[in-house]
């Protein structure tokens, strides 16, 4: 039983060390997303468009700029490190709770069933909240989530075949979907602006 508690404590410690490191990396990349992914995506789509669909280059650049602006505005409305602060607070709460449980185990004040119930009390509401957030995200973004991987796969297949017409068509469809997502993000941003306390 104590091995399980020690493993949980080890995981919590590792996560608590990783969160600040992630935050530092996030600040370095600002609005471009973690690990610079968006920079690579912009470069890749721009270069492909220049070669296979030059008429789309200005549209791609405009949509990338629009996405950057929307994400910066959303970030400003939410507060820079709100998620990170909340995650750090929850980790601190978890560490305190586990330390208290470990002390009770060492003193013989808790048995296995009581430990299980205490941990369940702590994680139960967190799990429910996570499920609600995940379901909300899936409902709101289901169409976009389903389309994008298929569109990227079509582009990959077109590139592998070397068919310029298919590549141009795939780039055009990806751009259309990118515009759709930007439009949806813009709507979400406008909702956030009208209800600043409810992000």
N, C-alpha and C. Protein backbone atom coordinates (compact mmCIF):
# COMPACT_ATOMS: atom_id res chain seq x y z
N UNK A 1 0.81 -1.19 0.00
CA UNK A 1 0.00 0.00 0.00
C UNK A 1 0.86 1.26 0.00
N UNK A 2 1.90 1.27 0.82
CA UNK A 2 2.76 2.45 0.87
C UNK A 2 3.51 2.63 -0.43
N UNK A 3 3.76 1.54 -1.14
CA UNK A 3 4.42 1.67 -2.44
C UNK A 3 3.53 2.47 -3.40
N UNK A 4 2.25 2.20 -3.36
CA UNK A 4 1.33 2.93 -4.23
C UNK A 4 1.33 4.42 -3.88
N UNK A 5 1.32 4.74 -2.61
CA UNK A 5 1.34 6.14 -2.18
C UNK A 5 2.65 6.79 -2.63
N UNK A 6 3.75 6.08 -2.48
CA UNK A 6 5.04 6.63 -2.90
C UNK A 6 5.08 6.87 -4.40
N UNK A 7 4.48 5.96 -5.17
CA UNK A 7 4.43 6.14 -6.62
C UNK A 7 3.60 7.38 -6.96
N UNK A 8 2.46 7.54 -6.28
CA UNK A 8 1.62 8.71 -6.52
C UNK A 8 2.38 9.98 -6.16
N UNK A 9 3.08 9.97 -5.03
CA UNK A 9 3.87 11.14 -4.63
C UNK A 9 4.96 11.44 -5.65
N UNK A 10 5.60 10.41 -6.17
CA UNK A 10 6.64 10.60 -7.18
C UNK A 10 6.06 11.25 -8.44
N UNK A 11 4.91 10.75 -8.88
CA UNK A 11 4.26 11.31 -10.07
C UNK A 11 3.89 12.78 -9.84
N UNK A 12 3.33 13.06 -8.67
CA UNK A 12 2.95 14.44 -8.36
C UNK A 12 4.18 15.34 -8.36
N UNK A 13 5.27 14.86 -7.79
CA UNK A 13 6.51 15.65 -7.77
C UNK A 13 7.02 15.92 -9.17
N UNK A 14 7.03 14.88 -10.00
CA UNK A 14 7.50 15.05 -11.38
C UNK A 14 6.62 16.03 -12.14
N UNK A 15 5.32 15.93 -11.97
CA UNK A 15 4.41 16.84 -12.66
C UNK A 15 4.61 18.26 -12.16
N UNK A 16 4.81 18.41 -10.86
CA UNK A 16 4.99 19.77 -10.32
C UNK A 16 6.29 20.39 -10.82
N UNK A 17 7.27 19.57 -11.13
CA UNK A 17 8.50 20.09 -11.72
C UNK A 17 8.32 20.41 -13.20
N UNK A 18 7.49 19.64 -13.86
CA UNK A 18 7.30 19.82 -15.31
C UNK A 18 6.44 21.04 -15.64
N UNK A 19 5.46 21.36 -14.81
CA UNK A 19 4.55 22.47 -15.10
C UNK A 19 5.29 23.80 -15.24
N UNK A 20 6.18 24.17 -14.28
CA UNK A 20 6.91 25.44 -14.47
C UNK A 20 7.82 25.42 -15.70
N UNK A 21 8.42 24.28 -16.00
CA UNK A 21 9.27 24.20 -17.20
C UNK A 21 8.44 24.40 -18.45
N UNK A 22 7.25 23.81 -18.47
CA UNK A 22 6.35 24.00 -19.61
C UNK A 22 5.96 25.47 -19.73
N UNK A 23 5.68 26.08 -18.58
CA UNK A 23 5.27 27.49 -18.60
C UNK A 23 6.37 28.37 -19.16
N UNK A 24 7.59 28.10 -18.79
CA UNK A 24 8.70 28.89 -19.30
C UNK A 24 8.79 28.74 -20.81
N UNK A 25 8.65 27.52 -21.32
CA UNK A 25 8.66 27.29 -22.76
C UNK A 25 7.51 27.98 -23.44
N UNK A 26 6.34 28.01 -22.78
CA UNK A 26 5.16 28.67 -23.34
C UNK A 26 5.40 30.16 -23.49
N UNK A 27 6.04 30.76 -22.48
CA UNK A 27 6.28 32.20 -22.54
C UNK A 27 7.25 32.54 -23.66
N UNK A 28 8.21 31.64 -23.92
CA UNK A 28 9.19 31.91 -24.96
C UNK A 28 8.54 31.92 -26.33
N UNK A 29 7.51 31.10 -26.53
CA UNK A 29 6.89 30.99 -27.84
C UNK A 29 5.66 31.88 -28.00
N UNK A 30 5.27 32.58 -26.92
CA UNK A 30 4.15 33.51 -26.93
C UNK A 30 2.94 32.98 -27.69
N UNK A 31 2.46 33.71 -28.71
CA UNK A 31 1.20 33.35 -29.36
C UNK A 31 1.35 32.23 -30.38
N UNK A 32 2.56 31.80 -30.63
CA UNK A 32 2.78 30.78 -31.66
C UNK A 32 2.50 29.37 -31.16
N UNK A 33 2.13 29.23 -29.92
CA UNK A 33 1.81 27.92 -29.39
C UNK A 33 3.04 27.22 -28.86
N UNK A 34 2.83 26.16 -28.07
CA UNK A 34 3.96 25.46 -27.50
C UNK A 34 4.83 24.83 -28.59
N UNK A 35 6.12 24.87 -28.37
CA UNK A 35 7.10 24.21 -29.23
C UNK A 35 7.15 24.77 -30.65
N UNK A 36 6.62 25.96 -30.87
CA UNK A 36 6.74 26.61 -32.16
C UNK A 36 5.99 25.92 -33.29
N UNK A 37 5.02 25.08 -32.98
CA UNK A 37 4.29 24.34 -34.02
C UNK A 37 3.71 25.26 -35.08
N UNK A 38 3.11 26.36 -34.64
CA UNK A 38 2.44 27.24 -35.61
C UNK A 38 3.42 27.86 -36.59
N UNK A 39 4.63 28.13 -36.14
CA UNK A 39 5.64 28.69 -37.04
C UNK A 39 5.91 27.70 -38.17
N UNK A 40 6.06 26.43 -37.82
CA UNK A 40 6.32 25.40 -38.83
C UNK A 40 5.13 25.24 -39.77
N UNK A 41 3.94 25.27 -39.22
CA UNK A 41 2.74 25.13 -40.05
C UNK A 41 2.64 26.29 -41.04
N UNK A 42 2.86 27.50 -40.57
CA UNK A 42 2.79 28.67 -41.45
C UNK A 42 3.82 28.56 -42.57
N UNK A 43 5.03 28.23 -42.20
CA UNK A 43 6.11 28.12 -43.20
C UNK A 43 5.78 27.05 -44.23
N UNK A 44 5.35 25.90 -43.76
CA UNK A 44 5.05 24.78 -44.63
C UNK A 44 3.93 25.11 -45.62
N UNK A 45 2.83 25.65 -45.11
CA UNK A 45 1.70 25.97 -45.99
C UNK A 45 2.05 27.09 -46.97
N UNK A 46 2.81 28.07 -46.49
CA UNK A 46 3.20 29.17 -47.38
C UNK A 46 4.10 28.67 -48.50
N UNK A 47 5.08 27.85 -48.16
CA UNK A 47 6.00 27.33 -49.19
C UNK A 47 5.27 26.44 -50.20
N UNK A 48 4.39 25.59 -49.70
CA UNK A 48 3.63 24.73 -50.62
C UNK A 48 2.73 25.56 -51.53
N UNK A 49 2.11 26.58 -50.95
CA UNK A 49 1.24 27.44 -51.76
C UNK A 49 2.04 28.21 -52.80
N UNK A 50 3.20 28.70 -52.42
CA UNK A 50 4.03 29.42 -53.39
C UNK A 50 4.37 28.54 -54.59
N UNK A 51 4.60 27.26 -54.33
CA UNK A 51 4.99 26.36 -55.41
C UNK A 51 3.79 25.85 -56.22
N UNK A 52 2.70 25.47 -55.53
CA UNK A 52 1.59 24.79 -56.22
C UNK A 52 0.34 25.64 -56.42
N UNK A 53 0.16 26.67 -55.59
CA UNK A 53 -1.06 27.49 -55.69
C UNK A 53 -0.73 28.93 -55.31
N UNK A 54 0.03 29.63 -56.13
CA UNK A 54 0.47 30.99 -55.78
C UNK A 54 -0.69 31.95 -55.48
N UNK A 55 -1.84 31.70 -56.05
CA UNK A 55 -2.98 32.58 -55.81
C UNK A 55 -3.51 32.46 -54.37
N UNK A 56 -3.09 31.42 -53.64
CA UNK A 56 -3.56 31.23 -52.26
C UNK A 56 -2.60 31.81 -51.21
N UNK A 57 -1.40 32.20 -51.62
CA UNK A 57 -0.38 32.64 -50.66
C UNK A 57 -0.87 33.81 -49.81
N UNK A 58 -1.42 34.83 -50.44
CA UNK A 58 -1.88 35.99 -49.67
C UNK A 58 -3.03 35.62 -48.73
N UNK A 59 -3.90 34.71 -49.17
CA UNK A 59 -5.00 34.27 -48.30
C UNK A 59 -4.46 33.52 -47.07
N UNK A 60 -3.50 32.62 -47.31
CA UNK A 60 -2.89 31.89 -46.19
C UNK A 60 -2.26 32.87 -45.20
N UNK A 61 -1.49 33.81 -45.70
CA UNK A 61 -0.82 34.78 -44.81
C UNK A 61 -1.84 35.61 -44.03
N UNK A 62 -2.90 36.01 -44.69
CA UNK A 62 -3.95 36.79 -44.02
C UNK A 62 -4.62 35.97 -42.91
N UNK A 63 -4.89 34.69 -43.20
CA UNK A 63 -5.55 33.85 -42.20
C UNK A 63 -4.63 33.54 -41.02
N UNK A 64 -3.33 33.36 -41.30
CA UNK A 64 -2.38 33.14 -40.20
C UNK A 64 -2.31 34.38 -39.31
N UNK A 65 -2.27 35.56 -39.93
CA UNK A 65 -2.22 36.82 -39.16
C UNK A 65 -3.51 36.99 -38.35
N UNK A 66 -4.64 36.64 -38.97
CA UNK A 66 -5.92 36.75 -38.28
C UNK A 66 -5.95 35.82 -37.06
N UNK A 67 -5.47 34.58 -37.24
CA UNK A 67 -5.45 33.61 -36.13
C UNK A 67 -4.56 34.12 -35.00
N UNK A 68 -3.39 34.67 -35.36
CA UNK A 68 -2.50 35.21 -34.33
C UNK A 68 -3.19 36.31 -33.53
N UNK A 69 -3.87 37.20 -34.22
CA UNK A 69 -4.56 38.31 -33.55
C UNK A 69 -5.67 37.79 -32.64
N UNK A 70 -6.45 36.85 -33.13
CA UNK A 70 -7.55 36.29 -32.33
C UNK A 70 -6.99 35.63 -31.07
N UNK A 71 -5.94 34.81 -31.23
CA UNK A 71 -5.38 34.10 -30.07
C UNK A 71 -4.75 35.06 -29.07
N UNK A 72 -4.10 36.11 -29.55
CA UNK A 72 -3.55 37.12 -28.63
C UNK A 72 -4.66 37.81 -27.86
N UNK A 73 -5.75 38.15 -28.54
CA UNK A 73 -6.88 38.80 -27.87
C UNK A 73 -7.52 37.87 -26.85
N UNK A 74 -7.66 36.61 -27.19
CA UNK A 74 -8.23 35.64 -26.25
C UNK A 74 -7.34 35.51 -25.02
N UNK A 75 -6.06 35.43 -25.26
CA UNK A 75 -5.11 35.30 -24.16
C UNK A 75 -5.19 36.51 -23.25
N UNK A 76 -5.30 37.70 -23.83
CA UNK A 76 -5.39 38.93 -23.04
C UNK A 76 -6.67 38.94 -22.19
N UNK A 77 -7.77 38.44 -22.74
CA UNK A 77 -9.03 38.42 -22.00
C UNK A 77 -9.00 37.40 -20.86
N UNK A 78 -8.35 36.27 -21.10
CA UNK A 78 -8.30 35.21 -20.08
C UNK A 78 -7.29 35.51 -19.00
N UNK A 79 -6.25 36.24 -19.31
CA UNK A 79 -5.14 36.44 -18.38
C UNK A 79 -4.03 35.50 -18.79
N UNK A 80 -2.82 35.97 -18.71
CA UNK A 80 -1.67 35.25 -19.25
C UNK A 80 -1.51 33.84 -18.70
N UNK A 81 -1.50 33.70 -17.37
CA UNK A 81 -1.13 32.42 -16.79
C UNK A 81 -2.24 31.82 -15.93
N UNK A 82 -3.47 32.10 -16.29
CA UNK A 82 -4.59 31.61 -15.48
C UNK A 82 -4.59 30.09 -15.39
N UNK A 83 -4.42 29.40 -16.52
CA UNK A 83 -4.42 27.94 -16.50
C UNK A 83 -3.28 27.42 -15.65
N UNK A 84 -2.11 27.97 -15.85
CA UNK A 84 -0.93 27.52 -15.13
C UNK A 84 -1.08 27.75 -13.63
N UNK A 85 -1.61 28.90 -13.24
CA UNK A 85 -1.81 29.18 -11.83
C UNK A 85 -2.79 28.19 -11.22
N UNK A 86 -3.88 27.90 -11.92
CA UNK A 86 -4.86 26.94 -11.42
C UNK A 86 -4.27 25.54 -11.31
N UNK A 87 -3.49 25.14 -12.32
CA UNK A 87 -2.87 23.81 -12.29
C UNK A 87 -1.89 23.71 -11.14
N UNK A 88 -1.10 24.74 -10.93
CA UNK A 88 -0.13 24.74 -9.84
C UNK A 88 -0.83 24.67 -8.49
N UNK A 89 -1.92 25.42 -8.34
CA UNK A 89 -2.68 25.39 -7.08
C UNK A 89 -3.25 24.00 -6.84
N UNK A 90 -3.80 23.37 -7.89
CA UNK A 90 -4.35 22.02 -7.72
C UNK A 90 -3.27 21.02 -7.35
N UNK A 91 -2.08 21.17 -7.94
CA UNK A 91 -0.97 20.27 -7.59
C UNK A 91 -0.55 20.47 -6.14
N UNK A 92 -0.51 21.71 -5.69
CA UNK A 92 -0.16 21.99 -4.30
C UNK A 92 -1.19 21.38 -3.36
N UNK A 93 -2.47 21.53 -3.70
CA UNK A 93 -3.54 20.93 -2.90
C UNK A 93 -3.39 19.42 -2.84
N UNK A 94 -3.08 18.82 -3.99
CA UNK A 94 -2.92 17.37 -4.06
C UNK A 94 -1.73 16.92 -3.21
N UNK A 95 -0.63 17.64 -3.29
CA UNK A 95 0.55 17.29 -2.48
C UNK A 95 0.22 17.33 -0.99
N UNK A 96 -0.48 18.39 -0.57
CA UNK A 96 -0.86 18.50 0.83
C UNK A 96 -1.76 17.35 1.26
N UNK A 97 -2.73 17.03 0.43
CA UNK A 97 -3.67 15.96 0.75
C UNK A 97 -2.95 14.62 0.84
N UNK A 98 -2.06 14.34 -0.12
CA UNK A 98 -1.33 13.07 -0.10
C UNK A 98 -0.37 12.99 1.08
N UNK A 99 0.24 14.12 1.43
CA UNK A 99 1.14 14.13 2.59
C UNK A 99 0.36 13.82 3.86
N UNK A 100 -0.84 14.40 3.99
CA UNK A 100 -1.68 14.13 5.16
C UNK A 100 -2.09 12.65 5.20
N UNK A 101 -2.43 12.10 4.04
CA UNK A 101 -2.81 10.68 3.99
C UNK A 101 -1.62 9.80 4.35
N UNK A 102 -0.45 10.13 3.83
CA UNK A 102 0.75 9.34 4.12
C UNK A 102 1.05 9.36 5.62
N UNK A 103 0.90 10.51 6.25
CA UNK A 103 1.13 10.62 7.69
C UNK A 103 0.16 9.73 8.46
N UNK A 104 -1.10 9.76 8.05
CA UNK A 104 -2.11 8.93 8.72
C UNK A 104 -1.83 7.44 8.53
N UNK A 105 -1.31 7.07 7.36
CA UNK A 105 -0.98 5.67 7.11
C UNK A 105 0.17 5.25 8.02
N UNK A 106 1.20 6.09 8.10
CA UNK A 106 2.36 5.77 8.95
C UNK A 106 1.96 5.65 10.42
N UNK A 107 1.01 6.47 10.84
CA UNK A 107 0.55 6.44 12.24
C UNK A 107 -0.49 5.36 12.48
N UNK A 108 -0.88 4.65 11.43
CA UNK A 108 -1.87 3.59 11.58
C UNK A 108 -3.29 4.10 11.76
N UNK A 109 -3.53 5.33 11.38
CA UNK A 109 -4.86 5.93 11.55
C UNK A 109 -5.81 5.62 10.39
N UNK A 110 -5.26 5.12 9.27
CA UNK A 110 -6.10 4.84 8.10
C UNK A 110 -5.78 3.45 7.57
N UNK A 111 -6.84 2.76 7.12
CA UNK A 111 -6.63 1.48 6.46
C UNK A 111 -6.79 1.66 4.95
N UNK A 112 -6.62 0.62 4.21
CA UNK A 112 -6.66 0.67 2.75
C UNK A 112 -7.97 1.25 2.22
N UNK A 113 -9.08 0.83 2.78
CA UNK A 113 -10.39 1.29 2.31
C UNK A 113 -10.57 2.79 2.57
N UNK A 114 -10.12 3.25 3.72
CA UNK A 114 -10.23 4.67 4.05
C UNK A 114 -9.37 5.53 3.12
N UNK A 115 -8.18 5.01 2.78
CA UNK A 115 -7.30 5.73 1.85
C UNK A 115 -7.97 5.85 0.49
N UNK A 116 -8.54 4.73 0.04
CA UNK A 116 -9.23 4.74 -1.25
C UNK A 116 -10.36 5.76 -1.26
N UNK A 117 -11.14 5.82 -0.19
CA UNK A 117 -12.25 6.77 -0.12
C UNK A 117 -11.76 8.22 -0.10
N UNK A 118 -10.68 8.49 0.63
CA UNK A 118 -10.12 9.85 0.69
C UNK A 118 -9.64 10.30 -0.69
N UNK A 119 -8.93 9.42 -1.36
CA UNK A 119 -8.42 9.76 -2.69
C UNK A 119 -9.58 9.96 -3.66
N UNK A 120 -10.60 9.11 -3.53
CA UNK A 120 -11.79 9.24 -4.38
C UNK A 120 -12.48 10.58 -4.15
N UNK A 121 -12.57 11.01 -2.89
CA UNK A 121 -13.20 12.30 -2.58
C UNK A 121 -12.46 13.45 -3.25
N UNK A 122 -11.14 13.35 -3.29
CA UNK A 122 -10.35 14.41 -3.88
C UNK A 122 -10.45 14.41 -5.40
N UNK A 123 -10.31 13.22 -6.02
CA UNK A 123 -10.27 13.15 -7.47
C UNK A 123 -11.64 13.11 -8.13
N UNK A 124 -12.67 12.70 -7.41
CA UNK A 124 -14.00 12.59 -7.99
C UNK A 124 -14.49 13.87 -8.65
N UNK A 125 -14.53 14.99 -7.91
CA UNK A 125 -14.98 16.25 -8.52
C UNK A 125 -14.07 16.71 -9.66
N UNK A 126 -12.77 16.47 -9.52
CA UNK A 126 -11.83 16.87 -10.58
C UNK A 126 -12.12 16.10 -11.87
N UNK A 127 -12.37 14.81 -11.73
CA UNK A 127 -12.66 13.96 -12.88
C UNK A 127 -13.95 14.41 -13.56
N UNK A 128 -14.96 14.71 -12.75
CA UNK A 128 -16.25 15.16 -13.30
C UNK A 128 -16.08 16.48 -14.05
N UNK A 129 -15.33 17.41 -13.47
CA UNK A 129 -15.11 18.70 -14.12
C UNK A 129 -14.36 18.51 -15.44
N UNK A 130 -13.36 17.63 -15.44
CA UNK A 130 -12.61 17.35 -16.67
C UNK A 130 -13.52 16.76 -17.74
N UNK A 131 -14.39 15.83 -17.35
CA UNK A 131 -15.33 15.22 -18.30
C UNK A 131 -16.25 16.28 -18.91
N UNK A 132 -16.73 17.21 -18.08
CA UNK A 132 -17.60 18.26 -18.58
C UNK A 132 -16.87 19.15 -19.58
N UNK A 133 -15.63 19.52 -19.25
CA UNK A 133 -14.84 20.35 -20.16
C UNK A 133 -14.58 19.62 -21.48
N UNK A 134 -14.24 18.34 -21.39
CA UNK A 134 -13.96 17.56 -22.59
C UNK A 134 -15.21 17.43 -23.46
N UNK A 135 -16.34 17.16 -22.84
CA UNK A 135 -17.59 17.04 -23.61
C UNK A 135 -17.97 18.36 -24.26
N UNK A 136 -17.78 19.46 -23.54
CA UNK A 136 -18.07 20.78 -24.11
C UNK A 136 -17.18 21.04 -25.32
N UNK A 137 -15.90 20.75 -25.17
CA UNK A 137 -14.96 20.95 -26.27
C UNK A 137 -15.34 20.08 -27.47
N UNK A 138 -15.65 18.82 -27.22
CA UNK A 138 -16.02 17.92 -28.32
C UNK A 138 -17.28 18.41 -29.03
N UNK A 139 -18.27 18.83 -28.26
CA UNK A 139 -19.52 19.29 -28.88
C UNK A 139 -19.29 20.55 -29.70
N UNK A 140 -18.48 21.46 -29.18
CA UNK A 140 -18.28 22.74 -29.84
C UNK A 140 -17.39 22.63 -31.07
N UNK A 141 -16.43 21.71 -31.05
CA UNK A 141 -15.42 21.65 -32.12
C UNK A 141 -15.44 20.33 -32.90
N UNK A 142 -16.50 19.53 -32.75
CA UNK A 142 -16.53 18.20 -33.36
C UNK A 142 -16.31 18.22 -34.87
N UNK A 143 -16.97 19.12 -35.57
CA UNK A 143 -16.83 19.17 -37.03
C UNK A 143 -15.38 19.45 -37.44
N UNK A 144 -14.77 20.44 -36.81
CA UNK A 144 -13.41 20.81 -37.17
C UNK A 144 -12.42 19.71 -36.80
N UNK A 145 -12.62 19.10 -35.64
CA UNK A 145 -11.71 18.04 -35.19
C UNK A 145 -11.74 16.88 -36.19
N UNK A 146 -12.91 16.56 -36.68
CA UNK A 146 -13.04 15.44 -37.60
C UNK A 146 -12.47 15.72 -38.99
N UNK A 147 -12.54 16.95 -39.46
CA UNK A 147 -12.13 17.27 -40.82
C UNK A 147 -10.62 17.40 -41.01
N UNK A 148 -9.97 18.05 -40.08
CA UNK A 148 -8.57 18.44 -40.28
C UNK A 148 -7.62 17.26 -40.54
N UNK A 149 -7.65 16.19 -39.74
CA UNK A 149 -6.72 15.10 -40.03
C UNK A 149 -6.91 14.51 -41.43
N UNK A 150 -8.17 14.39 -41.86
CA UNK A 150 -8.44 13.87 -43.19
C UNK A 150 -7.91 14.79 -44.28
N UNK A 151 -8.02 16.10 -44.06
CA UNK A 151 -7.52 17.06 -45.04
C UNK A 151 -5.99 17.01 -45.11
N UNK A 152 -5.35 16.89 -43.97
CA UNK A 152 -3.88 16.77 -43.97
C UNK A 152 -3.44 15.47 -44.65
N UNK A 153 -4.23 14.42 -44.44
CA UNK A 153 -3.89 13.15 -45.08
C UNK A 153 -4.03 13.26 -46.59
N UNK A 154 -5.05 13.96 -47.06
CA UNK A 154 -5.21 14.17 -48.51
C UNK A 154 -4.03 14.95 -49.07
N UNK A 155 -3.58 15.96 -48.34
CA UNK A 155 -2.42 16.73 -48.77
C UNK A 155 -1.18 15.84 -48.81
N UNK A 156 -0.99 15.04 -47.79
CA UNK A 156 0.16 14.13 -47.75
C UNK A 156 0.12 13.17 -48.93
N UNK A 157 -1.04 12.59 -49.19
CA UNK A 157 -1.17 11.66 -50.32
C UNK A 157 -0.88 12.36 -51.65
N UNK A 158 -1.40 13.58 -51.78
CA UNK A 158 -1.16 14.35 -53.01
C UNK A 158 0.32 14.65 -53.18
N UNK A 159 0.99 15.01 -52.09
CA UNK A 159 2.42 15.29 -52.16
C UNK A 159 3.21 14.03 -52.52
N UNK A 160 2.82 12.91 -51.94
CA UNK A 160 3.50 11.66 -52.25
C UNK A 160 3.32 11.27 -53.72
N UNK A 161 2.14 11.54 -54.26
CA UNK A 161 1.88 11.20 -55.67
C UNK A 161 2.54 12.20 -56.61
N UNK A 162 2.79 13.43 -56.11
CA UNK A 162 3.41 14.45 -56.95
C UNK A 162 2.44 15.12 -57.91
N UNK A 163 1.15 14.86 -57.75
CA UNK A 163 0.13 15.43 -58.63
C UNK A 163 -0.17 16.87 -58.22
N UNK A 164 0.27 17.82 -59.03
CA UNK A 164 0.13 19.25 -58.71
C UNK A 164 -1.33 19.67 -58.56
N UNK A 165 -2.22 19.09 -59.35
CA UNK A 165 -3.64 19.43 -59.28
C UNK A 165 -4.22 19.00 -57.94
N UNK A 166 -3.89 17.79 -57.49
CA UNK A 166 -4.38 17.30 -56.20
C UNK A 166 -3.80 18.12 -55.04
N UNK A 167 -2.53 18.50 -55.16
CA UNK A 167 -1.89 19.30 -54.11
C UNK A 167 -2.60 20.65 -53.99
N UNK A 168 -2.86 21.26 -55.14
CA UNK A 168 -3.53 22.56 -55.16
C UNK A 168 -4.93 22.44 -54.54
N UNK A 169 -5.64 21.39 -54.89
CA UNK A 169 -6.99 21.17 -54.35
C UNK A 169 -6.94 20.95 -52.83
N UNK A 170 -5.97 20.15 -52.38
CA UNK A 170 -5.84 19.88 -50.94
C UNK A 170 -5.50 21.16 -50.18
N UNK A 171 -4.60 21.97 -50.74
CA UNK A 171 -4.25 23.25 -50.10
C UNK A 171 -5.47 24.17 -50.01
N UNK A 172 -6.25 24.18 -51.08
CA UNK A 172 -7.45 25.02 -51.11
C UNK A 172 -8.45 24.58 -50.03
N UNK A 173 -8.65 23.27 -49.88
CA UNK A 173 -9.59 22.75 -48.89
C UNK A 173 -9.08 23.02 -47.47
N UNK A 174 -7.77 22.87 -47.27
CA UNK A 174 -7.21 23.17 -45.95
C UNK A 174 -7.38 24.65 -45.61
N UNK A 175 -7.17 25.50 -46.59
CA UNK A 175 -7.34 26.94 -46.35
C UNK A 175 -8.78 27.25 -46.00
N UNK A 176 -9.71 26.63 -46.70
CA UNK A 176 -11.13 26.84 -46.41
C UNK A 176 -11.45 26.43 -44.97
N UNK A 177 -10.90 25.29 -44.56
CA UNK A 177 -11.15 24.82 -43.19
C UNK A 177 -10.47 25.74 -42.16
N UNK A 178 -9.29 26.24 -42.50
CA UNK A 178 -8.59 27.17 -41.62
C UNK A 178 -9.43 28.43 -41.43
N UNK A 179 -10.03 28.91 -42.53
CA UNK A 179 -10.91 30.08 -42.44
C UNK A 179 -12.13 29.78 -41.56
N UNK A 180 -12.69 28.58 -41.69
CA UNK A 180 -13.85 28.20 -40.87
C UNK A 180 -13.49 28.21 -39.38
N UNK A 181 -12.34 27.65 -39.05
CA UNK A 181 -11.91 27.63 -37.65
C UNK A 181 -11.67 29.05 -37.16
N UNK A 182 -11.03 29.88 -37.97
CA UNK A 182 -10.82 31.28 -37.59
C UNK A 182 -12.15 31.98 -37.31
N UNK A 183 -13.12 31.72 -38.16
CA UNK A 183 -14.44 32.33 -37.99
C UNK A 183 -15.06 31.88 -36.66
N UNK A 184 -14.93 30.60 -36.36
CA UNK A 184 -15.48 30.07 -35.11
C UNK A 184 -14.73 30.65 -33.91
N UNK A 185 -13.42 30.78 -34.03
CA UNK A 185 -12.62 31.38 -32.95
C UNK A 185 -13.00 32.85 -32.75
N UNK A 186 -13.26 33.53 -33.85
CA UNK A 186 -13.66 34.94 -33.77
C UNK A 186 -15.00 35.08 -33.05
N UNK A 187 -15.92 34.17 -33.33
CA UNK A 187 -17.21 34.17 -32.65
C UNK A 187 -17.01 33.94 -31.16
N UNK A 188 -16.14 32.98 -30.82
CA UNK A 188 -15.84 32.69 -29.41
C UNK A 188 -15.21 33.91 -28.74
N UNK A 189 -14.31 34.59 -29.44
CA UNK A 189 -13.68 35.80 -28.90
C UNK A 189 -14.73 36.87 -28.61
N UNK A 190 -15.66 37.07 -29.54
CA UNK A 190 -16.71 38.06 -29.33
C UNK A 190 -17.59 37.71 -28.13
N UNK A 191 -17.86 36.42 -27.93
CA UNK A 191 -18.61 35.98 -26.75
C UNK A 191 -17.84 36.30 -25.47
N UNK A 192 -16.52 36.06 -25.53
CA UNK A 192 -15.68 36.35 -24.36
C UNK A 192 -15.67 37.83 -24.04
N UNK A 193 -15.66 38.66 -25.07
CA UNK A 193 -15.64 40.12 -24.86
C UNK A 193 -16.94 40.59 -24.22
N UNK A 194 -18.06 39.95 -24.56
CA UNK A 194 -19.35 40.38 -24.03
C UNK A 194 -19.60 39.85 -22.62
N UNK A 195 -18.91 38.76 -22.25
CA UNK A 195 -19.08 38.18 -20.91
C UNK A 195 -17.71 37.93 -20.30
N UNK A 196 -16.97 38.99 -19.95
CA UNK A 196 -15.60 38.83 -19.51
C UNK A 196 -15.40 37.98 -18.27
N UNK A 197 -16.39 37.88 -17.41
CA UNK A 197 -16.21 37.08 -16.21
C UNK A 197 -16.49 35.61 -16.39
N UNK A 198 -16.86 35.18 -17.61
CA UNK A 198 -17.31 33.79 -17.80
C UNK A 198 -16.42 32.98 -18.72
N UNK A 199 -15.15 33.33 -18.89
CA UNK A 199 -14.31 32.57 -19.82
C UNK A 199 -14.10 31.20 -19.29
